[in-house]
Amino acid sequence: MRTADMIRIYSLALLFFTLVWISASPSATLGQVSGPPSPEIAVRISAPKREVKAGELFHVEVRVSNIGETAVLVPNTISTVSGGMAFLKFELTDSKGRVSPGMVWIADDFAPTTQSDENAAAKLLGFWTLLHPKTCLLFDVPIGQSKYDFLGKPGKYALSATYASNGISFGRNGLGLSKALLNSLPYKSWTGKVATNEISFNVVSATKIKK
């Protein structure tokens, strides 16, 4: 084989392997630098007791965990009333898959928010917590018959929820901090909506409960 043919074959082989390498790692070869990972959280529910008397409060433990790689600001409270910094919407279903009727509570604050960065640290720490990776917050959230009719009727039920937060922004949640200050924070506040797991439990007659 002539030297010129060998050089041509070698050049084609080198070009082929270069294209394969580029397609396998475009960010490295095209100079694209990926940004910092987005904060991620997971929310799970559990119950200390899986049996409750009809009409009594059912206590739900809510665990908010940082499963990402960066620290993130999350609300240090949870509300089952729409309009809170962190809103937890439960769905209670019976053994036939029917959703419990109940009352929906909405909290609105129509008072004007005055912008002020005074006592900014106190405002933030009063409502938000820095959640580091592999750490969590645990909440006790009681629910009752006043919001979910099925909790007053004996039977087998399943409970799940959706956790949502709009994050920190001026004019919301009564903080009133300036956009410039919020943009200067070294950590992001978590914004989004995430579904929880599902748990099952029993509601028994108010006159009888297992020990």
Foldseek 3Di string as FASTA:
>chain_A
DDPVVVVVVVVVVVVVVVVVVCVVDVCVVVVNDDDDDDWDKAKAKDFPAQEAAAFDKGKIKIKIATADQFKAKEWLDEDCAAQAQKHKPKWKAFPVGDTFAFDHHHDDDPDFAAADCPPVVVLCVVTIDTHHHPDIHMDIDIDGCNGGVCSNPWHKMKMWIKMFGQFDDARGPRSNYDPVVQVPDPHGHDGDMDIYDMDMHTHDHNVDDDD
